[in-house]
């Protein structure tokens, strides 16, 4: 059973934090799906990943290509065809509790400087933890990532 990790971005922007998390996920041997709510945001993420340092390039694709199943990182607005072990949801993209249980990890990244994004993430935390999903809340407000809260997974009796 996987867990949901909530990343409250207050210092570094998404385009800085996401590649770090993607790299760590690939190092763990996971295929990754990055879910955004719109095609425009996927295009923006794709561009930002291409702009990264050449020696840190993260091979990826946008869903809808003929090689989706082979992508180590697949950018999508829906379910991913690359059989991911990790899902990274950005900009309030929805995550179903069942998805979390079927994956090694789900990362929910949200802009801590946007009150509506914070409210949406709080709602996601409540929905997932009430469904029994284990969750951890990470904040970077001190200048380094620290776990600030944890809700253990609940098992059915």
C-alpha atoms as a PDB file:
ATOM      1  CA  UNK A   1       0.000   0.000   0.000  1.00  0.00           C
ATOM      2  CA  UNK A   2       1.380   3.371  -0.995  1.00  0.00           C
ATOM      3  CA  UNK A   3       1.353   6.679   0.768  1.00  0.00           C
ATOM      4  CA  UNK A   4       0.521  10.227  -0.264  1.00  0.00           C
ATOM      5  CA  UNK A   5       3.237  12.827   0.275  1.00  0.00           C
ATOM      6  CA  UNK A   6       2.057  16.435   0.253  1.00  0.00           C
ATOM      7  CA  UNK A   7       4.702  19.000  -0.741  1.00  0.00           C
ATOM      8  CA  UNK A   8       3.858  22.549   0.356  1.00  0.00           C
ATOM      9  CA  UNK A   9       5.940  24.714  -1.995  1.00  0.00           C
ATOM     10  CA  UNK A  10       6.781  28.037  -0.364  1.00  0.00           C
ATOM     11  CA  UNK A  11      10.373  28.742  -1.407  1.00  0.00           C
ATOM     12  CA  UNK A  12      11.103  26.849  -4.601  1.00  0.00           C
ATOM     13  CA  UNK A  13       8.708  26.892  -7.543  1.00  0.00           C
ATOM     14  CA  UNK A  14       7.218  23.769  -9.081  1.00  0.00           C
ATOM     15  CA  UNK A  15       9.684  23.800 -11.964  1.00  0.00           C
ATOM     16  CA  UNK A  16      12.545  23.610  -9.464  1.00  0.00           C
ATOM     17  CA  UNK A  17      11.080  21.016  -7.068  1.00  0.00           C
ATOM     18  CA  UNK A  18       9.474  18.634  -9.562  1.00  0.00           C
ATOM     19  CA  UNK A  19      12.722  17.619 -11.333  1.00  0.00           C
ATOM     20  CA  UNK A  20      14.347  16.802  -7.977  1.00  0.00           C
ATOM     21  CA  UNK A  21      11.447  14.537  -7.008  1.00  0.00           C
ATOM     22  CA  UNK A  22      11.362  12.963 -10.465  1.00  0.00           C
ATOM     23  CA  UNK A  23      15.069  12.207 -10.313  1.00  0.00           C
ATOM     24  CA  UNK A  24      14.724  10.594  -6.887  1.00  0.00           C
ATOM     25  CA  UNK A  25      11.800   8.506  -8.099  1.00  0.00           C
ATOM     26  CA  UNK A  26      13.765   7.258 -11.084  1.00  0.00           C
ATOM     27  CA  UNK A  27      16.696   6.432  -8.777  1.00  0.00           C
ATOM     28  CA  UNK A  28      14.252   4.300  -6.747  1.00  0.00           C
ATOM     29  CA  UNK A  29      13.534   2.364  -9.949  1.00  0.00           C
ATOM     30  CA  UNK A  30      10.028   3.748 -10.406  1.00  0.00           C
ATOM     31  CA  UNK A  31       8.228   4.798 -13.542  1.00  0.00           C
ATOM     32  CA  UNK A  32       6.430   8.082 -12.879  1.00  0.00           C
ATOM     33  CA  UNK A  33       3.245   9.740 -14.061  1.00  0.00           C
ATOM     34  CA  UNK A  34       2.948  13.500 -13.671  1.00  0.00           C
ATOM     35  CA  UNK A  35      -0.694  14.552 -13.666  1.00  0.00           C
ATOM     36  CA  UNK A  36      -1.786  18.120 -14.343  1.00  0.00           C
ATOM     37  CA  UNK A  37      -5.348  19.354 -14.782  1.00  0.00           C
ATOM     38  CA  UNK A  38      -4.904  20.795 -18.294  1.00  0.00           C
ATOM     39  CA  UNK A  39      -3.082  20.129 -21.549  1.00  0.00           C
ATOM     40  CA  UNK A  40      -1.638  23.651 -21.405  1.00  0.00           C
ATOM     41  CA  UNK A  41      -0.003  22.892 -18.078  1.00  0.00           C
ATOM     42  CA  UNK A  42       1.421  19.652 -19.496  1.00  0.00           C
ATOM     43  CA  UNK A  43       2.996  21.635 -22.333  1.00  0.00           C
ATOM     44  CA  UNK A  44       4.476  24.073 -19.811  1.00  0.00           C
ATOM     45  CA  UNK A  45       5.874  21.203 -17.701  1.00  0.00           C
ATOM     46  CA  UNK A  46       7.295  19.552 -20.814  1.00  0.00           C
ATOM     47  CA  UNK A  47       9.062  22.793 -21.751  1.00  0.00           C
ATOM     48  CA  UNK A  48      10.479  23.245 -18.230  1.00  0.00           C
ATOM     49  CA  UNK A  49      11.822  19.676 -18.201  1.00  0.00           C
ATOM     50  CA  UNK A  50      13.544  20.287 -21.557  1.00  0.00           C
ATOM     51  CA  UNK A  51      15.122  23.492 -20.211  1.00  0.00           C
ATOM     52  CA  UNK A  52      16.884  21.685 -17.369  1.00  0.00           C
ATOM     53  CA  UNK A  53      20.636  21.079 -17.330  1.00  0.00           C
ATOM     54  CA  UNK A  54      21.742  18.694 -20.076  1.00  0.00           C
ATOM     55  CA  UNK A  55      23.562  16.398 -17.631  1.00  0.00           C
ATOM     56  CA  UNK A  56      20.362  16.130 -15.540  1.00  0.00           C
ATOM     57  CA  UNK A  57      17.951  15.559 -18.437  1.00  0.00           C
ATOM     58  CA  UNK A  58      14.854  13.589 -17.451  1.00  0.00           C
ATOM     59  CA  UNK A  59      13.553  11.461 -20.326  1.00  0.00           C
ATOM     60  CA  UNK A  60       9.807  11.935 -20.567  1.00  0.00           C
ATOM     61  CA  UNK A  61       6.846  12.154 -22.902  1.00  0.00           C
ATOM     62  CA  UNK A  62       3.380  13.657 -23.078  1.00  0.00           C
ATOM     63  CA  UNK A  63       0.506  11.176 -23.067  1.00  0.00           C
ATOM     64  CA  UNK A  64      -0.929  10.415 -26.458  1.00  0.00           C
ATOM     65  CA  UNK A  65       2.278   9.326 -28.166  1.00  0.00           C
ATOM     66  CA  UNK A  66       2.897   5.897 -29.632  1.00  0.00           C
ATOM     67  CA  UNK A  67       5.546   5.094 -27.000  1.00  0.00           C
ATOM     68  CA  UNK A  68       3.606   6.068 -23.854  1.00  0.00           C
ATOM     69  CA  UNK A  69       4.042   2.643 -22.272  1.00  0.00           C
ATOM     70  CA  UNK A  70       7.845   2.945 -22.537  1.00  0.00           C
ATOM     71  CA  UNK A  71       8.197   6.387 -20.972  1.00  0.00           C
ATOM     72  CA  UNK A  72      10.015   6.532 -17.623  1.00  0.00           C
ATOM     73  CA  UNK A  73       8.091   9.776 -16.966  1.00  0.00           C
ATOM     74  CA  UNK A  74       4.733  10.372 -18.618  1.00  0.00           C
ATOM     75  CA  UNK A  75       2.963  13.734 -18.424  1.00  0.00           C
ATOM     76  CA  UNK A  76      -0.793  13.264 -18.453  1.00  0.00           C
ATOM     77  CA  UNK A  77      -4.152  14.705 -17.459  1.00  0.00           C
ATOM     78  CA  UNK A  78      -5.607  11.266 -16.701  1.00  0.00           C
ATOM     79  CA  UNK A  79      -4.499   7.699 -15.989  1.00  0.00           C
ATOM     80  CA  UNK A  80      -1.011   6.918 -17.230  1.00  0.00           C
ATOM     81  CA  UNK A  81      -0.153   4.252 -19.792  1.00  0.00           C
ATOM     82  CA  UNK A  82       3.429   3.774 -18.541  1.00  0.00           C
ATOM     83  CA  UNK A  83       2.463   1.540 -15.568  1.00  0.00           C
ATOM     84  CA  UNK A  84       3.815   4.003 -12.991  1.00  0.00           C
ATOM     85  CA  UNK A  85       4.811   3.164  -9.446  1.00  0.00           C
ATOM     86  CA  UNK A  86       4.686   6.858  -8.553  1.00  0.00           C
ATOM     87  CA  UNK A  87       2.178   9.574  -9.392  1.00  0.00           C
ATOM     88  CA  UNK A  88       2.961  13.260  -9.012  1.00  0.00           C
ATOM     89  CA  UNK A  89      -0.127  15.452  -9.035  1.00  0.00           C
ATOM     90  CA  UNK A  90       0.327  19.183  -9.612  1.00  0.00           C
ATOM     91  CA  UNK A  91      -1.952  22.218  -9.704  1.00  0.00           C
ATOM     92  CA  UNK A  92      -4.795  20.476  -7.906  1.00  0.00           C
ATOM     93  CA  UNK A  93      -4.983  17.455 -10.213  1.00  0.00           C
ATOM     94  CA  UNK A  94      -7.294  14.915  -8.641  1.00  0.00           C
ATOM     95  CA  UNK A  95      -6.055  11.764  -6.940  1.00  0.00           C
ATOM     96  CA  UNK A  96      -8.329   8.854  -6.095  1.00  0.00           C
ATOM     97  CA  UNK A  97      -7.658   7.010  -2.813  1.00  0.00           C
ATOM     98  CA  UNK A  98      -7.600   3.690  -4.696  1.00  0.00           C
ATOM     99  CA  UNK A  99      -4.762   4.990  -6.864  1.00  0.00           C
ATOM    100  CA  UNK A 100      -2.642   5.588  -3.780  1.00  0.00           C
ATOM    101  CA  UNK A 101      -3.132   2.035  -2.562  1.00  0.00           C
ATOM    102  CA  UNK A 102      -2.068   0.675  -5.968  1.00  0.00           C
ATOM    103  CA  UNK A 103       1.129   2.745  -6.208  1.00  0.00           C
ATOM    104  CA  UNK A 104       4.344   2.931  -4.204  1.00  0.00           C
ATOM    105  CA  UNK A 105       3.910   6.673  -3.737  1.00  0.00           C
ATOM    106  CA  UNK A 106       1.749   9.603  -4.705  1.00  0.00           C
ATOM    107  CA  UNK A 107       3.201  13.105  -4.441  1.00  0.00           C
ATOM    108  CA  UNK A 108       0.864  16.080  -4.343  1.00  0.00           C
ATOM    109  CA  UNK A 109       2.711  19.334  -5.006  1.00  0.00           C
ATOM    110  CA  UNK A 110       0.934  22.598  -4.301  1.00  0.00           C
ATOM    111  CA  UNK A 111       1.779  26.295  -4.281  1.00  0.00           C
ATOM    112  CA  UNK A 112       1.871  27.435  -0.674  1.00  0.00           C
ATOM    113  CA  UNK A 113       1.614  31.066  -1.769  1.00  0.00           C
ATOM    114  CA  UNK A 114      -1.779  30.481  -3.401  1.00  0.00           C
ATOM    115  CA  UNK A 115      -4.603  30.300  -0.807  1.00  0.00           C
ATOM    116  CA  UNK A 116      -6.951  28.375  -3.120  1.00  0.00           C
ATOM    117  CA  UNK A 117      -4.208  25.806  -3.859  1.00  0.00           C
ATOM    118  CA  UNK A 118      -3.627  25.389  -0.108  1.00  0.00           C
ATOM    119  CA  UNK A 119      -7.370  24.950   0.514  1.00  0.00           C
ATOM    120  CA  UNK A 120      -7.601  22.384  -2.283  1.00  0.00           C
ATOM    121  CA  UNK A 121      -4.629  20.445  -0.877  1.00  0.00           C
ATOM    122  CA  UNK A 122      -6.258  20.447   2.574  1.00  0.00           C
ATOM    123  CA  UNK A 123      -9.372  18.972   1.002  1.00  0.00           C
ATOM    124  CA  UNK A 124      -7.264  16.311  -0.724  1.00  0.00           C
ATOM    125  CA  UNK A 125      -5.536  15.496   2.599  1.00  0.00           C
ATOM    126  CA  UNK A 126      -8.926  15.061   4.328  1.00  0.00           C
ATOM    127  CA  UNK A 127     -10.375  12.942   1.509  1.00  0.00           C
ATOM    128  CA  UNK A 128      -7.353  10.646   1.318  1.00  0.00           C
ATOM    129  CA  UNK A 129      -6.801  10.214   5.053  1.00  0.00           C
ATOM    130  CA  UNK A 130     -10.507   9.647   5.697  1.00  0.00           C
ATOM    131  CA  UNK A 131     -10.338   6.888   3.069  1.00  0.00           C
ATOM    132  CA  UNK A 132      -7.574   5.257   5.124  1.00  0.00           C
ATOM    133  CA  UNK A 133      -4.606   6.370   3.014  1.00  0.00           C
ATOM    134  CA  UNK A 134      -1.362   7.069   4.853  1.00  0.00           C
ATOM    135  CA  UNK A 135      -0.168  10.617   4.277  1.00  0.00           C
ATOM    136  CA  UNK A 136       2.803  12.819   5.098  1.00  0.00           C
ATOM    137  CA  UNK A 137       2.926  16.578   4.889  1.00  0.00           C
ATOM    138  CA  UNK A 138       6.261  18.169   3.935  1.00  0.00           C
ATOM    139  CA  UNK A 139       7.072  21.872   4.151  1.00  0.00           C
ATOM    140  CA  UNK A 140      10.099  23.833   2.978  1.00  0.00           C
ATOM    141  CA  UNK A 141       9.340  27.030   4.900  1.00  0.00           C
ATOM    142  CA  UNK A 142      12.444  26.636   7.114  1.00  0.00           C
ATOM    143  CA  UNK A 143      14.680  26.489   4.036  1.00  0.00           C
ATOM    144  CA  UNK A 144      14.913  22.710   3.919  1.00  0.00           C
ATOM    145  CA  UNK A 145      12.253  20.044   3.535  1.00  0.00           C
ATOM    146  CA  UNK A 146      10.827  18.854   6.852  1.00  0.00           C
ATOM    147  CA  UNK A 147       7.961  16.493   7.583  1.00  0.00           C
ATOM    148  CA  UNK A 148       5.433  18.485   9.606  1.00  0.00           C
ATOM    149  CA  UNK A 149       2.552  16.034   9.905  1.00  0.00           C
ATOM    150  CA  UNK A 150       1.780  12.377   9.373  1.00  0.00           C
ATOM    151  CA  UNK A 151      -1.411  10.362   9.232  1.00  0.00           C
ATOM    152  CA  UNK A 152      -0.789   6.618   9.259  1.00  0.00           C
ATOM    153  CA  UNK A 153      -2.687   4.317   6.935  1.00  0.00           C
ATOM    154  CA  UNK A 154      -5.812   2.805   8.419  1.00  0.00           C
ATOM    155  CA  UNK A 155      -6.454  -0.832   7.749  1.00  0.00           C
ATOM    156  CA  UNK A 156      -9.897  -2.338   7.570  1.00  0.00           C
ATOM    157  CA  UNK A 157     -10.651  -4.551  10.560  1.00  0.00           C
END
